[in-house]
Structure formats: structure tokens, C-alpha cells
Amino acid sequence: MPKLKTKSGAKKRFKLTATGKVIHAQRGKRHGMIKRTKKQIRNLRGTKVLFKTDGENVKKFFLPNA
């Protein structure tokens, strides 16, 4: 069986914590900031942890070697 490659798009978007959870940058801050309230923009700073099931899928299919 061939080795599984890590998806190059996923390695730019996700990182694993020490406990194995998947963290990601929050969506909604790329463009169109003029439409968003100041509070929305402020609350979208930083990173979030993916839900458990989504994180398991990311680890299984996109980051198999992580």
C-alpha cells in the first residue's frame, strides 16, 4: 500500500494541539470587512478548535501523518 500524502492545502489551514485537537483560523475575515460590525471583526480574531468529529475527519483524510 502506498504512503498517504498530507494535503498541502490542509497543512496551511490546520494545526494540531499537543492533545491532538485541530485548530483553525476563523472564517469571515478575508474580505468584505466594511459590511461587518466592529464587534464581529473583533470577535473573529485568533483561532478556534474544530468540533471533535470534524477534527477527526481532518486528521484522518487531510493530515494522516500528523
PDB file of N, CA and C in Angstrom:
ATOM      1  N   MET A   1       0.847  -1.184   0.000  1.00  0.00           N
ATOM      2  CA  MET A   1       0.000   0.000   0.000  1.00  0.00           C
ATOM      3  C   MET A   1       0.890   1.244   0.000  1.00  0.00           C
ATOM      4  N   PRO A   2       0.584   2.231  -0.855  1.00  0.00           N
ATOM      5  CA  PRO A   2       1.420   3.433  -0.900  1.00  0.00           C
ATOM      6  C   PRO A   2       1.224   4.313   0.338  1.00  0.00           C
ATOM      7  N   LYS A   3       2.217   5.151   0.567  1.00  0.00           N
ATOM      8  CA  LYS A   3       2.127   6.082   1.695  1.00  0.00           C
ATOM      9  C   LYS A   3       1.063   7.144   1.402  1.00  0.00           C
ATOM     10  N   LEU A   4       0.430   7.636   2.470  1.00  0.00           N
ATOM     11  CA  LEU A   4      -0.570   8.696   2.326  1.00  0.00           C
ATOM     12  C   LEU A   4       0.127  10.046   2.387  1.00  0.00           C
ATOM     13  N   LYS A   5      -0.197  10.917   1.448  1.00  0.00           N
ATOM     14  CA  LYS A   5       0.380  12.257   1.455  1.00  0.00           C
ATOM     15  C   LYS A   5      -0.542  13.200   2.227  1.00  0.00           C
ATOM     16  N   THR A   6       0.061  14.171   2.888  1.00  0.00           N
ATOM     17  CA  THR A   6      -0.700  15.230   3.538  1.00  0.00           C
ATOM     18  C   THR A   6      -1.177  16.189   2.468  1.00  0.00           C
ATOM     19  N   LYS A   7      -2.448  16.606   2.541  1.00  0.00           N
ATOM     20  CA  LYS A   7      -2.967  17.574   1.591  1.00  0.00           C
ATOM     21  C   LYS A   7      -2.305  18.926   1.852  1.00  0.00           C
ATOM     22  N   SER A   8      -1.723  19.528   0.808  1.00  0.00           N
ATOM     23  CA  SER A   8      -0.939  20.745   1.017  1.00  0.00           C
ATOM     24  C   SER A   8      -1.810  21.926   1.433  1.00  0.00           C
ATOM     25  N   GLY A   9      -3.076  21.932   0.998  1.00  0.00           N
ATOM     26  CA  GLY A   9      -3.974  22.998   1.435  1.00  0.00           C
ATOM     27  C   GLY A   9      -4.305  22.879   2.913  1.00  0.00           C
ATOM     28  N   ALA A  10      -4.408  21.655   3.402  1.00  0.00           N
ATOM     29  CA  ALA A  10      -4.766  21.431   4.801  1.00  0.00           C
ATOM     30  C   ALA A  10      -3.623  21.789   5.733  1.00  0.00           C
ATOM     31  N   LYS A  11      -2.388  21.559   5.322  1.00  0.00           N
ATOM     32  CA  LYS A  11      -1.283  21.872   6.228  1.00  0.00           C
ATOM     33  C   LYS A  11      -1.111  23.374   6.404  1.00  0.00           C
ATOM     34  N   LYS A  12      -1.650  24.163   5.465  1.00  0.00           N
ATOM     35  CA  LYS A  12      -1.623  25.614   5.616  1.00  0.00           C
ATOM     36  C   LYS A  12      -2.765  26.108   6.495  1.00  0.00           C
ATOM     37  N   ARG A  13      -3.852  25.344   6.574  1.00  0.00           N
ATOM     38  CA  ARG A  13      -5.053  25.817   7.260  1.00  0.00           C
ATOM     39  C   ARG A  13      -5.236  25.279   8.669  1.00  0.00           C
ATOM     40  N   PHE A  14      -4.676  24.103   8.961  1.00  0.00           N
ATOM     41  CA  PHE A  14      -4.920  23.462  10.250  1.00  0.00           C
ATOM     42  C   PHE A  14      -3.611  23.168  10.963  1.00  0.00           C
ATOM     43  N   LYS A  15      -3.685  23.185  12.301  1.00  0.00           N
ATOM     44  CA  LYS A  15      -2.555  22.757  13.125  1.00  0.00           C
ATOM     45  C   LYS A  15      -3.117  21.894  14.239  1.00  0.00           C
ATOM     46  N   LEU A  16      -2.286  21.024  14.777  1.00  0.00           N
ATOM     47  CA  LEU A  16      -2.707  20.171  15.875  1.00  0.00           C
ATOM     48  C   LEU A  16      -2.161  20.705  17.188  1.00  0.00           C
ATOM     49  N   THR A  17      -2.982  20.614  18.238  1.00  0.00           N
ATOM     50  CA  THR A  17      -2.528  20.984  19.570  1.00  0.00           C
ATOM     51  C   THR A  17      -1.788  19.793  20.164  1.00  0.00           C
ATOM     52  N   ALA A  18      -1.206  19.992  21.321  1.00  0.00           N
ATOM     53  CA  ALA A  18      -0.463  18.919  21.984  1.00  0.00           C
ATOM     54  C   ALA A  18      -1.375  17.757  22.371  1.00  0.00           C
ATOM     55  N   THR A  19      -2.656  18.051  22.612  1.00  0.00           N
ATOM     56  CA  THR A  19      -3.594  16.995  22.995  1.00  0.00           C
ATOM     57  C   THR A  19      -4.265  16.350  21.785  1.00  0.00           C
ATOM     58  N   GLY A  20      -3.914  16.813  20.562  1.00  0.00           N
ATOM     59  CA  GLY A  20      -4.448  16.188  19.359  1.00  0.00           C
ATOM     60  C   GLY A  20      -5.674  16.859  18.773  1.00  0.00           C
ATOM     61  N   LYS A  21      -6.057  18.015  19.323  1.00  0.00           N
ATOM     62  CA  LYS A  21      -7.197  18.728  18.755  1.00  0.00           C
ATOM     63  C   LYS A  21      -6.725  19.524  17.541  1.00  0.00           C
ATOM     64  N   VAL A  22      -7.663  19.833  16.655  1.00  0.00           N
ATOM     65  CA  VAL A  22      -7.331  20.566  15.428  1.00  0.00           C
ATOM     66  C   VAL A  22      -7.761  22.015  15.595  1.00  0.00           C
ATOM     67  N   ILE A  23      -6.818  22.957  15.384  1.00  0.00           N
ATOM     68  CA  ILE A  23      -7.153  24.367  15.460  1.00  0.00           C
ATOM     69  C   ILE A  23      -7.114  24.983  14.073  1.00  0.00           C
ATOM     70  N   HIS A  24      -7.908  26.030  13.873  1.00  0.00           N
ATOM     71  CA  HIS A  24      -8.008  26.674  12.567  1.00  0.00           C
ATOM     72  C   HIS A  24      -8.262  28.154  12.759  1.00  0.00           C
ATOM     73  N   ALA A  25      -7.903  28.952  11.756  1.00  0.00           N
ATOM     74  CA  ALA A  25      -8.214  30.375  11.773  1.00  0.00           C
ATOM     75  C   ALA A  25      -9.706  30.534  11.523  1.00  0.00           C
ATOM     76  N   GLN A  26     -10.278  31.570  12.090  1.00  0.00           N
ATOM     77  CA  GLN A  26     -11.717  31.761  11.942  1.00  0.00           C
ATOM     78  C   GLN A  26     -12.052  32.277  10.547  1.00  0.00           C
ATOM     79  N   ARG A  27     -13.179  31.826  10.021  1.00  0.00           N
ATOM     80  CA  ARG A  27     -13.577  32.261   8.685  1.00  0.00           C
ATOM     81  C   ARG A  27     -14.317  33.574   8.785  1.00  0.00           C
ATOM     82  N   GLY A  28     -14.334  34.293   7.663  1.00  0.00           N
ATOM     83  CA  GLY A  28     -15.100  35.522   7.614  1.00  0.00           C
ATOM     84  C   GLY A  28     -14.271  36.775   7.775  1.00  0.00           C
ATOM     85  N   LYS A  29     -12.932  36.676   7.654  1.00  0.00           N
ATOM     86  CA  LYS A  29     -12.093  37.868   7.802  1.00  0.00           C
ATOM     87  C   LYS A  29     -11.235  38.132   6.570  1.00  0.00           C
ATOM     88  N   ARG A  30     -11.566  37.538   5.435  1.00  0.00           N
ATOM     89  CA  ARG A  30     -10.745  37.710   4.241  1.00  0.00           C
ATOM     90  C   ARG A  30     -11.061  38.995   3.491  1.00  0.00           C
ATOM     91  N   HIS A  31     -12.327  39.266   3.280  1.00  0.00           N
ATOM     92  CA  HIS A  31     -12.715  40.461   2.537  1.00  0.00           C
ATOM     93  C   HIS A  31     -14.116  40.852   2.974  1.00  0.00           C
ATOM     94  N   GLY A  32     -14.573  42.027   2.525  1.00  0.00           N
ATOM     95  CA  GLY A  32     -15.916  42.488   2.891  1.00  0.00           C
ATOM     96  C   GLY A  32     -15.999  42.975   4.322  1.00  0.00           C
ATOM     97  N   MET A  33     -14.887  43.510   4.862  1.00  0.00           N
ATOM     98  CA  MET A  33     -14.888  43.958   6.250  1.00  0.00           C
ATOM     99  C   MET A  33     -15.806  45.157   6.477  1.00  0.00           C
ATOM    100  N   ILE A  34     -16.061  45.920   5.427  1.00  0.00           N
ATOM    101  CA  ILE A  34     -16.891  47.123   5.577  1.00  0.00           C
ATOM    102  C   ILE A  34     -18.332  46.753   5.931  1.00  0.00           C
ATOM    103  N   LYS A  35     -18.741  45.546   5.543  1.00  0.00           N
ATOM    104  CA  LYS A  35     -20.104  45.095   5.855  1.00  0.00           C
ATOM    105  C   LYS A  35     -20.222  44.625   7.299  1.00  0.00           C
ATOM    106  N   ARG A  36     -19.142  44.221   7.891  1.00  0.00           N
ATOM    107  CA  ARG A  36     -19.176  43.621   9.219  1.00  0.00           C
ATOM    108  C   ARG A  36     -19.090  44.701  10.294  1.00  0.00           C
ATOM    109  N   THR A  37     -19.706  44.411  11.430  1.00  0.00           N
ATOM    110  CA  THR A  37     -19.634  45.366  12.538  1.00  0.00           C
ATOM    111  C   THR A  37     -18.260  45.271  13.187  1.00  0.00           C
ATOM    112  N   LYS A  38     -17.906  46.300  13.945  1.00  0.00           N
ATOM    113  CA  LYS A  38     -16.615  46.309  14.651  1.00  0.00           C
ATOM    114  C   LYS A  38     -16.546  45.144  15.640  1.00  0.00           C
ATOM    115  N   LYS A  39     -17.678  44.853  16.255  1.00  0.00           N
ATOM    116  CA  LYS A  39     -17.742  43.760  17.226  1.00  0.00           C
ATOM    117  C   LYS A  39     -17.473  42.413  16.551  1.00  0.00           C
ATOM    118  N   GLN A  40     -18.056  42.220  15.362  1.00  0.00           N
ATOM    119  CA  GLN A  40     -17.826  40.981  14.615  1.00  0.00           C
ATOM    120  C   GLN A  40     -16.354  40.807  14.295  1.00  0.00           C
ATOM    121  N   ILE A  41     -15.736  41.864  13.770  1.00  0.00           N
ATOM    122  CA  ILE A  41     -14.333  41.809  13.387  1.00  0.00           C
ATOM    123  C   ILE A  41     -13.467  41.501  14.604  1.00  0.00           C
ATOM    124  N   ARG A  42     -13.782  42.138  15.724  1.00  0.00           N
ATOM    125  CA  ARG A  42     -13.032  41.929  16.964  1.00  0.00           C
ATOM    126  C   ARG A  42     -13.154  40.482  17.440  1.00  0.00           C
ATOM    127  N   ASN A  43     -14.354  39.939  17.347  1.00  0.00           N
ATOM    128  CA  ASN A  43     -14.593  38.577  17.832  1.00  0.00           C
ATOM    129  C   ASN A  43     -14.024  37.507  16.919  1.00  0.00           C
ATOM    130  N   LEU A  44     -13.658  37.866  15.692  1.00  0.00           N
ATOM    131  CA  LEU A  44     -13.106  36.884  14.759  1.00  0.00           C
ATOM    132  C   LEU A  44     -11.590  36.782  14.834  1.00  0.00           C
ATOM    133  N   ARG A  45     -10.976  37.479  15.779  1.00  0.00           N
ATOM    134  CA  ARG A  45      -9.530  37.367  15.945  1.00  0.00           C
ATOM    135  C   ARG A  45      -9.156  36.000  16.495  1.00  0.00           C
ATOM    136  N   GLY A  46      -7.918  35.604  16.224  1.00  0.00           N
ATOM    137  CA  GLY A  46      -7.396  34.390  16.836  1.00  0.00           C
ATOM    138  C   GLY A  46      -7.860  33.123  16.153  1.00  0.00           C
ATOM    139  N   THR A  47      -7.733  32.019  16.862  1.00  0.00           N
ATOM    140  CA  THR A  47      -8.047  30.699  16.313  1.00  0.00           C
ATOM    141  C   THR A  47      -9.125  30.029  17.155  1.00  0.00           C
ATOM    142  N   LYS A  48      -9.709  28.997  16.577  1.00  0.00           N
ATOM    143  CA  LYS A  48     -10.714  28.195  17.267  1.00  0.00           C
ATOM    144  C   LYS A  48     -10.354  26.723  17.129  1.00  0.00           C
ATOM    145  N   VAL A  49     -10.923  25.914  17.998  1.00  0.00           N
ATOM    146  CA  VAL A  49     -10.754  24.462  17.916  1.00  0.00           C
ATOM    147  C   VAL A  49     -11.930  23.901  17.131  1.00  0.00           C
ATOM    148  N   LEU A  50     -11.645  23.012  16.188  1.00  0.00           N
ATOM    149  CA  LEU A  50     -12.717  22.358  15.426  1.00  0.00           C
ATOM    150  C   LEU A  50     -13.524  21.445  16.341  1.00  0.00           C
ATOM    151  N   PHE A  51     -14.772  21.196  15.970  1.00  0.00           N
ATOM    152  CA  PHE A  51     -15.563  20.202  16.681  1.00  0.00           C
ATOM    153  C   PHE A  51     -14.876  18.847  16.578  1.00  0.00           C
ATOM    154  N   LYS A  52     -15.139  17.999  17.551  1.00  0.00           N
ATOM    155  CA  LYS A  52     -14.431  16.719  17.644  1.00  0.00           C
ATOM    156  C   LYS A  52     -14.547  15.886  16.372  1.00  0.00           C
ATOM    157  N   THR A  53     -15.760  15.735  15.838  1.00  0.00           N
ATOM    158  CA  THR A  53     -15.951  14.890  14.657  1.00  0.00           C
ATOM    159  C   THR A  53     -15.286  15.490  13.426  1.00  0.00           C
ATOM    160  N   ASP A  54     -15.370  16.828  13.283  1.00  0.00           N
ATOM    161  CA  ASP A  54     -14.712  17.476  12.157  1.00  0.00           C
ATOM    162  C   ASP A  54     -13.202  17.328  12.272  1.00  0.00           C
ATOM    163  N   GLY A  55     -12.689  17.470  13.481  1.00  0.00           N
ATOM    164  CA  GLY A  55     -11.257  17.325  13.707  1.00  0.00           C
ATOM    165  C   GLY A  55     -10.763  15.922  13.383  1.00  0.00           C
ATOM    166  N   GLU A  56     -11.566  14.931  13.728  1.00  0.00           N
ATOM    167  CA  GLU A  56     -11.190  13.542  13.414  1.00  0.00           C
ATOM    168  C   GLU A  56     -11.139  13.326  11.907  1.00  0.00           C
ATOM    169  N   ASN A  57     -12.085  13.903  11.177  1.00  0.00           N
ATOM    170  CA  ASN A  57     -12.077  13.781   9.719  1.00  0.00           C
ATOM    171  C   ASN A  57     -10.870  14.467   9.111  1.00  0.00           C
ATOM    172  N   VAL A  58     -10.526  15.647   9.598  1.00  0.00           N
ATOM    173  CA  VAL A  58      -9.361  16.371   9.090  1.00  0.00           C
ATOM    174  C   VAL A  58      -8.102  15.550   9.326  1.00  0.00           C
ATOM    175  N   LYS A  59      -7.968  14.999  10.532  1.00  0.00           N
ATOM    176  CA  LYS A  59      -6.771  14.206  10.840  1.00  0.00           C
ATOM    177  C   LYS A  59      -6.691  12.945   9.994  1.00  0.00           C
ATOM    178  N   LYS A  60      -7.840  12.327   9.747  1.00  0.00           N
ATOM    179  CA  LYS A  60      -7.850  11.063   9.005  1.00  0.00           C
ATOM    180  C   LYS A  60      -7.575  11.255   7.518  1.00  0.00           C
ATOM    181  N   PHE A  61      -8.235  12.240   6.902  1.00  0.00           N
ATOM    182  CA  PHE A  61      -8.169  12.377   5.454  1.00  0.00           C
ATOM    183  C   PHE A  61      -7.157  13.399   4.955  1.00  0.00           C
ATOM    184  N   PHE A  62      -6.910  14.451   5.735  1.00  0.00           N
ATOM    185  CA  PHE A  62      -6.067  15.531   5.229  1.00  0.00           C
ATOM    186  C   PHE A  62      -4.705  15.602   5.879  1.00  0.00           C
ATOM    187  N   LEU A  63      -4.609  15.192   7.148  1.00  0.00           N
ATOM    188  CA  LEU A  63      -3.326  15.230   7.865  1.00  0.00           C
ATOM    189  C   LEU A  63      -2.999  13.840   8.408  1.00  0.00           C
ATOM    190  N   PRO A  64      -2.827  12.854   7.541  1.00  0.00           N
ATOM    191  CA  PRO A  64      -2.657  11.491   8.048  1.00  0.00           C
ATOM    192  C   PRO A  64      -1.358  11.271   8.813  1.00  0.00           C
ATOM    193  N   ASN A  65      -0.337  12.068   8.531  1.00  0.00           N
ATOM    194  CA  ASN A  65       0.958  11.844   9.178  1.00  0.00           C
ATOM    195  C   ASN A  65       1.177  12.734  10.389  1.00  0.00           C
ATOM    196  N   ALA A  66       0.209  13.574  10.710  1.00  0.00           N
ATOM    197  CA  ALA A  66       0.391  14.498  11.838  1.00  0.00           C
ATOM    198  C   ALA A  66       0.041  13.831  13.153  1.00  0.00           C
TER     199      ALA A  66
END
